[in-house]
Amino acid sequence: KLCEGILNILEKDTKTSCQVACLEALRILSRDKKVLVPVTTKRNMQILMRLAKLDTVEDPLERVSEFPVIVEALKCLCNIVFNSAVAQKLSLELNLAAMLCNLLEKCKDQQFADDIKCFDLRLLFLLSLLHTDIRSQLRQELQGVQVLTQALESSLSVRWTEKYKAAEDRDRPPLSLQETDCAIEALKALFNVTLDSWNVHSETESHQFRYMAAILRHCLLTTGPTEDKTEELHSNAINLLSNVPVSCLDVLISPSSQEETDIKYNGMNMGAIQILLDFMEKRIDKGSSYREGLTPVLSLLTECCRTHRNIRKFIKAQVLPPLRDVSNRPEVGTTVRNKLVRLMTHVDLGVKQIAAEFLFVLCKERVDSLLKYTGYGNAAGLLAARGLLAGGRGDHWYSDDEDTDTEEYKSAKPNINLITGHLEEPMPNPMDEMTEEQKEYEAMKLVNMFDKLSRDELIKPMGVRPDGTMAPLEEAVSQYHTNKQDSSDSD
């Protein structure tokens, strides 16, 4: 009854202060799903859309006194759409997404409209998240990628020096809280709209994604008002970069000019890549929520390294520098390599796979190089999954530049335990003082133990096929015998 009464008042032309008070009350009530039935009708949704200035296509935003009403109406719509499946269907019927894009255009050059822009973007994010048809409409009919990219560019106040290169102003103050929130909402909406965009089919699309990637590079080099807000901004930028086709990610690095003092590699500015590396390490150090917080940045870095040689070589120099001290296990220590190797045996399958894949790509998908840095024990899971237990390399082609081993590593190499990946003192052989009978007794004891475990199906003995994949031991052995017979020259 209260909701109905409020909407009846809002339908009439009342004073601005009265409209704001009614909308504030409705916003609080709309958090409760149980009271949304009277609100989610076509008539009542249209009342709120009218108050949010979504029904006027041509009229510009001129009366600043009405802005609080517009903001409160948009907040109400955000709550209603989020909490009601009926409202989500009505949004498509009422063409809400198109009206929001139109309102976003009106906010472009309008002062004091940042709050309107922020909640407009939030509503677009919710609609694109909760209704796949609206997501398709934004992508295909409403040029949503272009509209949202322009909104992001405006929030970050990007100035261009070249086609895909934004100006880097080191003395620029951090973004305000309002600018940061607008940018975050735009990033989230763009993420939904650009899902499934791995394949670029046209030159226009390629330009659009490169342009977006250049803005995201600027975003990574920008700071927010607080450390937490900066991390949230960078996290959403990384999520969106994961949707950008990997061929368009070359704009993350650019030729470094003389006046720039950023991190350089081979004459390229690597500032944005360094931010990604620092972000990755910070998320590892957090020690929780690896699947949501860490896998997007690891996946992004893996794809960048697989496709772009300069990025791979720069990251490898930091993550896998030439080995000198091999006295400790690869997973022991505080370096980035140690932290990533520890993740290779993480309980979460997705986390351990992407951590291992990242290191494998840094090693140019060469098994011997990966084992050098991680040890066979840590790498066994990846090698078994990829069918590389017998050695070799992955499917992708990489440049032929060879790794250079340090003198310290070369001298220690003969004594390195290949399983643990570190230097071990030679252990005394316990069989040296045994007689032949004792050796035979211990061997048969071990065979009987394995046989009992196998019969009780507690373990299943496995072997490596000639192609490097795992198979039950009997099958693997028979394949080796078959191969030997086939390769024999005798009659």
Protein backbone atom coordinates (compact mmCIF):
# COMPACT_ATOMS: atom_id res chain seq x y z
CA LYS A 1 0.00 0.00 0.00
CA LEU A 2 2.84 2.35 0.88
CA CYS A 3 4.59 1.70 -2.47
CA GLU A 4 1.36 2.25 -4.38
CA GLY A 5 0.70 5.47 -2.44
CA ILE A 6 4.21 6.81 -3.17
CA LEU A 7 3.90 6.04 -6.88
CA ASN A 8 0.50 7.75 -7.03
CA ILE A 9 2.09 10.92 -5.60
CA LEU A 10 5.04 10.66 -8.01
CA GLU A 11 2.64 10.41 -10.98
CA LYS A 12 1.40 13.93 -10.23
CA ASP A 13 3.47 17.07 -10.73
CA THR A 14 4.69 17.81 -7.22
CA LYS A 15 7.52 19.89 -5.84
CA THR A 16 11.09 18.68 -6.38
CA SER A 17 11.72 18.29 -2.62
CA CYS A 18 8.60 16.12 -2.31
CA GLN A 19 9.67 13.96 -5.30
CA VAL A 20 13.13 13.43 -3.79
CA ALA A 21 11.65 12.43 -0.41
CA CYS A 22 9.21 9.98 -2.06
CA LEU A 23 11.95 8.46 -4.22
CA GLU A 24 14.29 8.08 -1.22
CA ALA A 25 11.54 6.17 0.61
CA LEU A 26 10.85 4.02 -2.46
CA ARG A 27 14.58 3.31 -2.86
CA ILE A 28 14.72 1.91 0.69
CA LEU A 29 11.52 -0.11 0.18
CA SER A 30 12.73 -1.49 -3.17
CA ARG A 31 15.53 -3.37 -1.41
CA ASP A 32 12.86 -5.80 -0.19
CA LYS A 33 11.85 -8.28 -2.90
CA LYS A 34 8.48 -8.96 -1.20
CA VAL A 35 7.10 -5.46 -1.80
CA LEU A 36 8.12 -5.18 -5.46
CA VAL A 37 4.97 -6.71 -6.99
CA PRO A 38 3.02 -3.41 -7.17
CA VAL A 39 6.14 -1.54 -8.35
CA THR A 40 6.99 -3.82 -11.28
CA THR A 41 4.15 -2.89 -13.57
CA LYS A 42 4.50 -1.15 -16.91
CA ARG A 43 2.75 1.99 -15.61
CA ASN A 44 4.93 2.32 -12.50
CA MET A 45 8.16 1.60 -14.34
CA GLN A 46 7.25 4.35 -16.82
CA ILE A 47 6.65 6.80 -13.95
CA LEU A 48 10.18 6.17 -12.66
CA MET A 49 11.63 6.37 -16.18
CA ARG A 50 9.92 9.72 -16.70
CA LEU A 51 11.38 11.07 -13.45
CA ALA A 52 14.82 9.82 -14.55
CA LYS A 53 14.43 11.82 -17.79
CA LEU A 54 14.60 8.60 -19.82
CA ASP A 55 11.43 9.30 -21.80
CA THR A 56 12.63 12.59 -23.33
CA VAL A 57 14.80 11.84 -26.34
CA GLU A 58 15.49 15.38 -27.52
CA ASP A 59 15.37 17.56 -24.39
CA PRO A 60 18.84 18.32 -22.98
CA LEU A 61 19.67 18.21 -19.27
CA GLU A 62 19.42 21.88 -18.36
CA ARG A 63 17.68 22.29 -15.00
CA VAL A 64 20.30 21.41 -12.39
CA SER A 65 17.60 21.58 -9.68
CA GLU A 66 16.07 18.40 -11.19
CA PHE A 67 19.32 16.40 -11.01
CA PRO A 68 18.65 15.00 -7.47
CA VAL A 69 15.29 13.64 -8.71
CA ILE A 70 16.96 12.00 -11.73
CA VAL A 71 19.65 10.41 -9.51
CA GLU A 72 17.11 9.04 -6.99
CA ALA A 73 14.88 7.67 -9.78
CA LEU A 74 17.89 5.87 -11.30
CA LYS A 75 18.80 4.43 -7.88
CA CYS A 76 15.24 3.10 -7.52
CA LEU A 77 15.41 1.53 -10.98
CA CYS A 78 18.76 -0.10 -10.09
CA ASN A 79 17.24 -1.76 -7.00
CA ILE A 80 14.07 -2.80 -8.80
CA VAL A 81 15.87 -4.29 -11.80
CA PHE A 82 18.34 -6.10 -9.53
CA ASN A 83 15.64 -7.65 -7.35
CA SER A 84 12.88 -8.42 -9.86
CA ALA A 85 12.88 -10.77 -12.86
CA VAL A 86 9.59 -9.15 -13.97
CA ALA A 87 11.30 -5.73 -14.07
CA GLN A 88 14.13 -7.20 -16.14
CA LYS A 89 11.63 -8.43 -18.78
CA LEU A 90 9.78 -5.11 -18.70
CA SER A 91 13.09 -3.30 -19.26
CA LEU A 92 13.46 -5.04 -22.61
CA GLU A 93 9.84 -4.29 -23.54
CA LEU A 94 10.20 -0.60 -22.58
CA ASN A 95 13.54 -0.31 -24.43
CA LEU A 96 15.25 0.90 -21.24
CA ALA A 97 18.81 0.22 -22.49
CA ALA A 98 18.39 2.52 -25.51
CA MET A 99 17.05 5.30 -23.28
CA LEU A 100 19.97 4.90 -20.87
CA CYS A 101 22.45 5.19 -23.77
CA ASN A 102 20.66 8.36 -24.88
CA LEU A 103 20.85 9.82 -21.35
CA LEU A 104 24.55 8.95 -21.24
CA GLU A 105 25.09 11.01 -24.40
CA LYS A 106 23.32 13.98 -22.78
CA CYS A 107 25.65 13.77 -19.74
CA LYS A 108 28.76 14.02 -21.94
CA ASP A 109 29.28 17.79 -21.82
CA GLN A 110 27.02 18.57 -18.90
CA GLN A 111 28.46 19.92 -15.63
CA PHE A 112 27.30 18.46 -12.28
CA ALA A 113 25.92 15.35 -14.04
CA ASP A 114 28.52 12.87 -12.72
CA ASP A 115 26.08 11.20 -10.32
CA ILE A 116 23.53 10.77 -13.11
CA LYS A 117 26.22 9.27 -15.34
CA CYS A 118 27.39 6.90 -12.58
CA PHE A 119 23.94 5.43 -11.86
CA ASP A 120 23.09 5.34 -15.57
CA LEU A 121 26.19 3.17 -16.08
CA ARG A 122 25.32 1.02 -13.05
CA LEU A 123 21.85 0.36 -14.46
CA LEU A 124 23.36 -0.56 -17.84
CA PHE A 125 25.72 -2.95 -16.03
CA LEU A 126 22.83 -4.62 -14.19
CA LEU A 127 20.71 -4.96 -17.34
CA SER A 128 23.60 -6.43 -19.35
CA LEU A 129 24.39 -8.80 -16.48
CA LEU A 130 20.87 -10.05 -15.79
CA HIS A 131 19.32 -10.17 -19.28
CA THR A 132 21.25 -11.73 -22.18
CA ASP A 133 18.89 -10.23 -24.78
CA ILE A 134 19.67 -6.73 -23.52
CA ARG A 135 23.38 -7.56 -23.68
CA SER A 136 22.98 -8.56 -27.35
CA GLN A 137 20.90 -5.43 -28.02
CA LEU A 138 23.62 -3.22 -26.54
CA ARG A 139 26.33 -4.93 -28.54
CA GLN A 140 24.60 -5.11 -31.92
CA GLU A 141 21.91 -2.40 -32.16
CA LEU A 142 22.89 0.36 -29.75
CA GLN A 143 26.67 0.49 -30.41
CA GLY A 144 27.09 -0.17 -26.71
CA VAL A 145 30.83 -0.83 -26.93
CA GLN A 146 31.42 2.57 -28.50
CA VAL A 147 29.06 4.45 -26.14
CA LEU A 148 30.50 2.83 -23.00
CA THR A 149 34.10 3.26 -24.19
CA GLN A 150 33.46 6.99 -24.65
CA ALA A 151 31.96 7.15 -21.14
CA LEU A 152 35.07 5.44 -19.74
CA GLU A 153 37.36 7.78 -21.67
CA SER A 154 35.45 10.79 -20.34
CA SER A 155 35.63 9.53 -16.72
CA LEU A 156 39.41 9.12 -16.97
CA SER A 157 39.88 12.46 -18.83
CA VAL A 158 42.12 10.80 -21.42
CA ARG A 159 44.26 13.06 -23.64
CA TRP A 160 45.71 11.48 -26.78
CA THR A 161 49.26 12.05 -28.05
CA GLU A 162 49.16 9.40 -30.80
CA LYS A 163 46.54 7.13 -32.36
CA TYR A 164 46.61 4.52 -29.58
CA LYS A 165 48.68 6.32 -26.97
CA ALA A 166 47.33 8.47 -24.15
CA ALA A 167 49.36 11.25 -22.52
CA GLU A 168 51.13 10.23 -19.31
CA ASP A 169 51.04 13.10 -16.84
CA ARG A 170 53.12 12.14 -13.81
CA ASP A 171 52.03 15.22 -11.83
CA ARG A 172 48.34 14.62 -12.39
CA PRO A 173 46.40 14.25 -9.09
CA PRO A 174 44.56 10.96 -8.38
CA LEU A 175 41.02 10.53 -9.68
CA SER A 176 38.25 11.77 -7.44
CA LEU A 177 35.94 9.21 -5.79
CA GLN A 178 33.13 10.16 -8.21
CA GLU A 179 35.37 9.79 -11.30
CA THR A 180 36.68 6.45 -10.03
CA ASP A 181 33.16 5.11 -9.41
CA CYS A 182 32.04 6.19 -12.89
CA ALA A 183 35.06 4.49 -14.47
CA ILE A 184 34.45 1.28 -12.49
CA GLU A 185 30.77 1.13 -13.54
CA ALA A 186 31.75 1.71 -17.19
CA LEU A 187 34.37 -1.08 -16.98
CA LYS A 188 31.84 -3.52 -15.50
CA ALA A 189 29.22 -2.74 -18.15
CA LEU A 190 31.82 -3.04 -20.94
CA PHE A 191 32.91 -6.42 -19.56
CA ASN A 192 29.37 -7.79 -19.99
CA VAL A 193 28.90 -6.29 -23.45
CA THR A 194 32.25 -7.59 -24.77
CA LEU A 195 31.88 -11.18 -23.55
CA ASP A 196 32.62 -13.74 -26.30
CA SER A 197 34.59 -11.23 -28.38
CA TRP A 198 37.73 -13.29 -28.95
CA ASN A 199 37.42 -13.19 -32.74
CA VAL A 200 37.77 -9.86 -34.51
CA HIS A 201 36.04 -10.05 -37.89
CA SER A 202 36.51 -6.52 -39.23
CA GLU A 203 38.93 -3.62 -39.29
CA THR A 204 36.37 -1.46 -37.47
CA GLU A 205 36.12 -3.97 -34.61
CA SER A 206 39.90 -4.24 -34.45
CA HIS A 207 40.21 -0.45 -34.17
CA GLN A 208 37.51 -0.37 -31.49
CA PHE A 209 39.27 -2.96 -29.33
CA ARG A 210 42.71 -1.37 -29.79
CA TYR A 211 41.23 1.98 -28.83
CA MET A 212 39.69 0.35 -25.74
CA ALA A 213 42.96 -1.39 -24.84
CA ALA A 214 44.80 1.96 -25.07
CA ILE A 215 42.29 3.49 -22.63
CA LEU A 216 42.71 0.47 -20.33
CA ARG A 217 46.48 0.95 -20.41
CA HIS A 218 45.93 4.54 -19.27
CA CYS A 219 43.54 3.19 -16.61
CA LEU A 220 46.25 0.88 -15.22
CA LEU A 221 48.65 3.82 -14.96
CA THR A 222 46.02 5.89 -13.10
CA THR A 223 45.46 5.94 -9.34
CA GLY A 224 42.23 6.43 -7.41
CA PRO A 225 41.58 8.39 -4.22
CA THR A 226 42.53 5.44 -1.96
CA GLU A 227 44.59 2.26 -2.30
CA ASP A 228 41.46 0.07 -2.17
CA LYS A 229 39.72 2.11 -4.88
CA THR A 230 42.86 1.94 -7.06
CA GLU A 231 42.93 -1.84 -6.67
CA GLU A 232 39.21 -2.09 -7.55
CA LEU A 233 39.75 0.11 -10.62
CA HIS A 234 42.73 -1.97 -11.79
CA SER A 235 40.92 -5.24 -11.09
CA ASN A 236 37.99 -4.26 -13.33
CA ALA A 237 40.40 -3.02 -16.03
CA ILE A 238 42.16 -6.41 -15.97
CA ASN A 239 38.83 -8.26 -16.22
CA LEU A 240 37.93 -6.22 -19.30
CA LEU A 241 41.39 -6.71 -20.86
CA SER A 242 40.70 -10.46 -20.67
CA ASN A 243 37.85 -9.91 -23.16
CA VAL A 244 40.00 -7.94 -25.60
CA PRO A 245 41.26 -10.11 -28.52
CA VAL A 246 44.89 -10.95 -27.80
CA SER A 247 46.01 -9.55 -31.17
CA CYS A 248 44.91 -6.08 -29.98
CA LEU A 249 46.89 -6.19 -26.72
CA ASP A 250 50.10 -4.97 -28.38
CA VAL A 251 48.99 -1.41 -27.53
CA LEU A 252 49.71 -2.16 -23.85
CA ILE A 253 53.35 -1.51 -24.73
CA SER A 254 54.52 1.39 -26.84
CA PRO A 255 57.84 2.79 -28.11
CA SER A 256 59.37 4.71 -25.22
CA SER A 257 60.26 8.35 -25.88
CA GLN A 258 63.35 10.02 -24.42
CA GLU A 259 61.50 12.10 -21.83
CA GLU A 260 59.71 9.08 -20.33
CA THR A 261 61.36 7.57 -17.28
CA ASP A 262 59.11 4.54 -17.02
CA ILE A 263 60.33 0.95 -17.04
CA LYS A 264 61.68 0.13 -20.48
CA TYR A 265 62.62 -3.04 -22.32
CA ASN A 266 63.99 -3.20 -25.87
CA GLY A 267 63.00 0.45 -26.31
CA MET A 268 59.39 -0.24 -25.28
CA ASN A 269 57.51 1.36 -22.39
CA MET A 270 56.57 -1.48 -20.02
CA GLY A 271 54.84 0.59 -17.32
CA ALA A 272 51.43 -1.09 -17.74
CA ILE A 273 52.94 -4.60 -17.76
CA GLN A 274 54.81 -3.80 -14.54
CA ILE A 275 51.48 -2.74 -12.96
CA LEU A 276 49.99 -6.11 -13.99
CA LEU A 277 52.93 -7.98 -12.43
CA ASP A 278 52.71 -5.99 -9.20
CA PHE A 279 48.95 -6.58 -9.09
CA MET A 280 49.48 -10.33 -9.59
CA GLU A 281 52.01 -10.53 -6.74
CA LYS A 282 49.76 -8.51 -4.45
CA ARG A 283 46.87 -10.91 -5.11
CA ILE A 284 49.13 -13.92 -4.43
CA ASP A 285 50.24 -12.35 -1.13
CA LYS A 286 46.59 -11.90 -0.10
CA GLY A 287 46.41 -15.67 0.22
CA SER A 288 42.65 -16.03 -0.41
CA SER A 289 40.01 -15.87 -3.18
CA TYR A 290 42.57 -16.94 -5.76
CA ARG A 291 39.96 -18.08 -8.28
CA GLU A 292 38.19 -14.68 -8.46
CA GLY A 293 41.11 -12.39 -7.63
CA LEU A 294 44.18 -14.02 -9.18
CA THR A 295 43.17 -16.16 -12.16
CA PRO A 296 42.03 -13.21 -14.40
CA VAL A 297 45.41 -11.45 -14.19
CA LEU A 298 47.36 -14.70 -14.55
CA SER A 299 45.28 -15.68 -17.58
CA LEU A 300 45.80 -12.24 -19.14
CA LEU A 301 49.58 -12.34 -18.59
CA THR A 302 49.75 -15.87 -20.01
CA GLU A 303 48.01 -14.84 -23.24
CA CYS A 304 50.17 -11.70 -23.55
CA CYS A 305 53.34 -13.78 -23.12
CA ARG A 306 52.17 -16.40 -25.59
CA THR A 307 51.53 -13.83 -28.33
CA HIS A 308 53.90 -10.92 -27.73
CA ARG A 309 57.62 -11.70 -27.55
CA ASN A 310 58.73 -8.44 -25.87
CA ILE A 311 56.16 -8.85 -23.10
CA ARG A 312 57.24 -12.47 -22.50
CA LYS A 313 60.94 -11.63 -22.33
CA PHE A 314 60.33 -8.67 -19.99
CA ILE A 315 58.18 -10.77 -17.62
CA LYS A 316 60.55 -13.75 -17.71
CA ALA A 317 63.47 -11.52 -16.70
CA GLN A 318 61.54 -10.69 -13.51
CA VAL A 319 59.71 -13.93 -12.74
CA LEU A 320 62.30 -16.49 -13.92
CA PRO A 321 65.72 -14.80 -13.82
CA PRO A 322 68.79 -16.99 -14.53
CA LEU A 323 69.25 -19.51 -11.71
CA ARG A 324 72.21 -18.98 -9.38
CA ASP A 325 71.34 -20.35 -5.94
CA VAL A 326 69.73 -23.81 -6.18
CA SER A 327 70.25 -24.84 -2.57
CA ASN A 328 66.54 -24.40 -1.73
CA ARG A 329 63.50 -26.07 -3.26
CA PRO A 330 61.78 -23.97 -5.97
CA GLU A 331 58.69 -23.52 -3.78
CA VAL A 332 60.66 -22.23 -0.77
CA GLY A 333 61.32 -18.51 -0.58
CA THR A 334 59.76 -15.09 -1.15
CA THR A 335 60.49 -14.42 -4.83
CA VAL A 336 57.67 -14.33 -7.43
CA ARG A 337 58.96 -17.65 -8.83
CA ASN A 338 58.71 -19.29 -5.38
CA LYS A 339 55.15 -18.00 -4.92
CA LEU A 340 54.02 -19.21 -8.36
CA VAL A 341 55.62 -22.65 -7.92
CA ARG A 342 53.74 -23.03 -4.62
CA LEU A 343 50.51 -22.39 -6.54
CA MET A 344 51.33 -25.28 -8.90
CA THR A 345 50.24 -27.69 -6.15
CA HIS A 346 47.27 -25.62 -4.91
CA VAL A 347 44.09 -27.49 -3.96
CA ASP A 348 42.00 -25.46 -6.43
CA LEU A 349 42.42 -27.16 -9.81
CA GLY A 350 41.79 -23.97 -11.82
CA VAL A 351 44.37 -21.97 -9.85
CA LYS A 352 47.10 -24.60 -10.11
CA GLN A 353 46.47 -25.08 -13.85
CA ILE A 354 46.74 -21.38 -14.74
CA ALA A 355 49.82 -20.86 -12.51
CA ALA A 356 51.56 -23.83 -14.15
CA GLU A 357 50.48 -22.69 -17.64
CA PHE A 358 51.90 -19.20 -17.00
CA LEU A 359 55.32 -20.58 -16.01
CA PHE A 360 55.23 -23.06 -18.92
CA VAL A 361 54.63 -20.24 -21.43
CA LEU A 362 57.46 -18.21 -19.86
CA CYS A 363 59.66 -21.25 -20.55
CA LYS A 364 58.46 -21.18 -24.20
CA GLU A 365 56.56 -24.42 -23.52
CA ARG A 366 59.80 -26.41 -23.25
CA VAL A 367 59.58 -29.21 -20.69
CA ASP A 368 63.30 -29.24 -19.84
CA SER A 369 63.27 -25.48 -19.16
CA LEU A 370 60.15 -25.75 -16.95
CA LEU A 371 61.67 -28.61 -14.93
CA LYS A 372 64.80 -26.53 -14.37
CA TYR A 373 62.80 -23.80 -12.65
CA THR A 374 60.11 -25.85 -10.86
CA GLY A 375 61.29 -29.44 -10.37
CA TYR A 376 59.53 -32.50 -11.78
CA GLY A 377 57.31 -32.96 -8.70
CA ASN A 378 55.67 -29.55 -9.03
CA ALA A 379 55.32 -29.76 -12.82
CA ALA A 380 53.98 -33.34 -13.00
CA GLY A 381 50.30 -32.27 -12.96
CA LEU A 382 50.68 -29.95 -15.95
CA LEU A 383 52.84 -32.42 -17.89
CA ALA A 384 50.35 -35.26 -17.31
CA ALA A 385 47.45 -33.06 -18.45
CA ARG A 386 49.34 -31.97 -21.58
CA GLY A 387 50.72 -35.44 -22.41
CA LEU A 388 54.32 -34.28 -21.96
CA LEU A 389 55.58 -36.63 -19.24
CA ALA A 390 58.08 -38.06 -21.71
CA GLY A 391 59.51 -34.57 -22.40
CA GLY A 392 59.31 -32.39 -25.49
CA ARG A 393 57.47 -29.10 -25.85
CA GLY A 394 53.97 -27.66 -26.31
CA ASP A 395 52.11 -26.84 -29.49
CA HIS A 396 52.91 -23.14 -29.83
CA TRP A 397 55.90 -21.78 -31.74
CA TYR A 398 58.30 -19.39 -30.04
CA SER A 399 61.44 -17.56 -31.17
CA ASP A 400 64.71 -19.50 -31.07
CA ASP A 401 66.62 -17.36 -28.57
CA GLU A 402 68.17 -19.79 -26.09
CA ASP A 403 68.31 -19.53 -22.30
CA THR A 404 71.75 -18.84 -20.87
CA ASP A 405 72.63 -20.85 -17.76
CA THR A 406 74.80 -19.18 -15.13
CA GLU A 407 78.16 -20.71 -14.16
CA GLU A 408 76.77 -21.40 -10.66
CA TYR A 409 73.89 -23.41 -12.13
CA LYS A 410 76.14 -25.35 -14.52
CA SER A 411 78.47 -26.40 -11.73
CA ALA A 412 75.58 -27.49 -9.46
CA LYS A 413 73.51 -29.17 -12.20
CA PRO A 414 74.93 -32.74 -11.86
CA ASN A 415 73.86 -32.86 -8.18
CA ILE A 416 70.38 -31.32 -8.55
CA ASN A 417 67.52 -33.63 -7.62
CA LEU A 418 65.25 -33.51 -10.69
CA ILE A 419 62.14 -34.30 -8.64
CA THR A 420 62.53 -31.57 -6.02
CA GLY A 421 64.45 -29.17 -8.27
CA HIS A 422 67.17 -28.26 -5.77
CA LEU A 423 70.71 -29.21 -4.81
CA GLU A 424 70.97 -32.17 -2.41
CA GLU A 425 73.96 -33.62 -0.65
CA PRO A 426 74.73 -37.17 -1.83
CA MET A 427 72.94 -39.61 0.48
CA PRO A 428 74.58 -42.87 1.60
CA ASN A 429 73.24 -45.90 -0.29
CA PRO A 430 71.39 -48.11 2.28
CA MET A 431 71.99 -51.17 0.06
CA ASP A 432 75.80 -50.94 0.21
CA GLU A 433 76.01 -53.06 3.37
CA MET A 434 73.30 -55.57 2.37
CA THR A 435 73.95 -59.08 1.12
CA GLU A 436 72.37 -60.25 -2.15
CA GLU A 437 69.81 -62.29 -0.16
CA GLN A 438 68.78 -59.24 1.89
CA LYS A 439 68.40 -57.15 -1.27
CA GLU A 440 66.22 -59.83 -2.86
CA TYR A 441 64.11 -60.10 0.32
CA GLU A 442 63.49 -56.31 0.45
CA ALA A 443 62.65 -56.23 -3.26
CA MET A 444 60.07 -59.03 -2.94
CA LYS A 445 58.61 -57.35 0.17
CA LEU A 446 58.11 -54.15 -1.85
CA VAL A 447 56.56 -56.06 -4.78
CA ASN A 448 54.10 -57.81 -2.42
CA MET A 449 53.10 -54.49 -0.82
CA PHE A 450 52.39 -52.91 -4.21
CA ASP A 451 50.52 -56.04 -5.33
CA LYS A 452 48.25 -55.94 -2.25
CA LEU A 453 47.52 -52.21 -2.71
CA SER A 454 46.76 -52.81 -6.38
CA ARG A 455 44.49 -55.85 -5.72
CA ASP A 456 42.53 -53.90 -3.08
CA GLU A 457 42.25 -51.06 -5.65
CA LEU A 458 43.79 -48.54 -3.28
CA ILE A 459 46.28 -47.61 -6.00
CA LYS A 460 46.43 -48.17 -9.73
CA PRO A 461 49.96 -48.54 -11.13
CA MET A 462 50.41 -46.20 -14.10
CA GLY A 463 53.04 -45.82 -16.75
CA VAL A 464 53.97 -43.30 -19.45
CA ARG A 465 53.10 -44.17 -23.04
CA PRO A 466 55.63 -43.42 -25.80
CA ASP A 467 53.54 -40.31 -26.68
CA GLY A 468 54.00 -38.89 -23.16
CA THR A 469 50.46 -39.54 -21.82
CA MET A 470 49.53 -41.66 -18.78
CA ALA A 471 48.05 -45.16 -19.05
CA PRO A 472 47.62 -48.24 -16.82
CA LEU A 473 51.02 -49.91 -16.42
CA GLU A 474 50.20 -53.05 -18.43
CA GLU A 475 48.98 -50.97 -21.38
CA ALA A 476 52.02 -48.65 -21.29
CA VAL A 477 54.47 -51.60 -21.17
CA SER A 478 52.72 -53.42 -24.05
CA GLN A 479 52.88 -50.24 -26.18
CA TYR A 480 56.63 -49.95 -25.57
CA HIS A 481 57.09 -53.60 -26.64
CA THR A 482 54.96 -53.04 -29.78
CA ASN A 483 56.99 -49.96 -30.69
CA LYS A 484 60.26 -51.83 -30.26
CA GLN A 485 59.04 -54.68 -32.48
CA ASP A 486 57.82 -52.28 -35.15
CA SER A 487 61.12 -50.42 -35.21
CA SER A 488 63.22 -53.62 -35.38
CA ASP A 489 65.14 -54.27 -38.61
CA SER A 490 65.37 -58.06 -38.09
CA ASP A 491 63.12 -60.53 -39.87
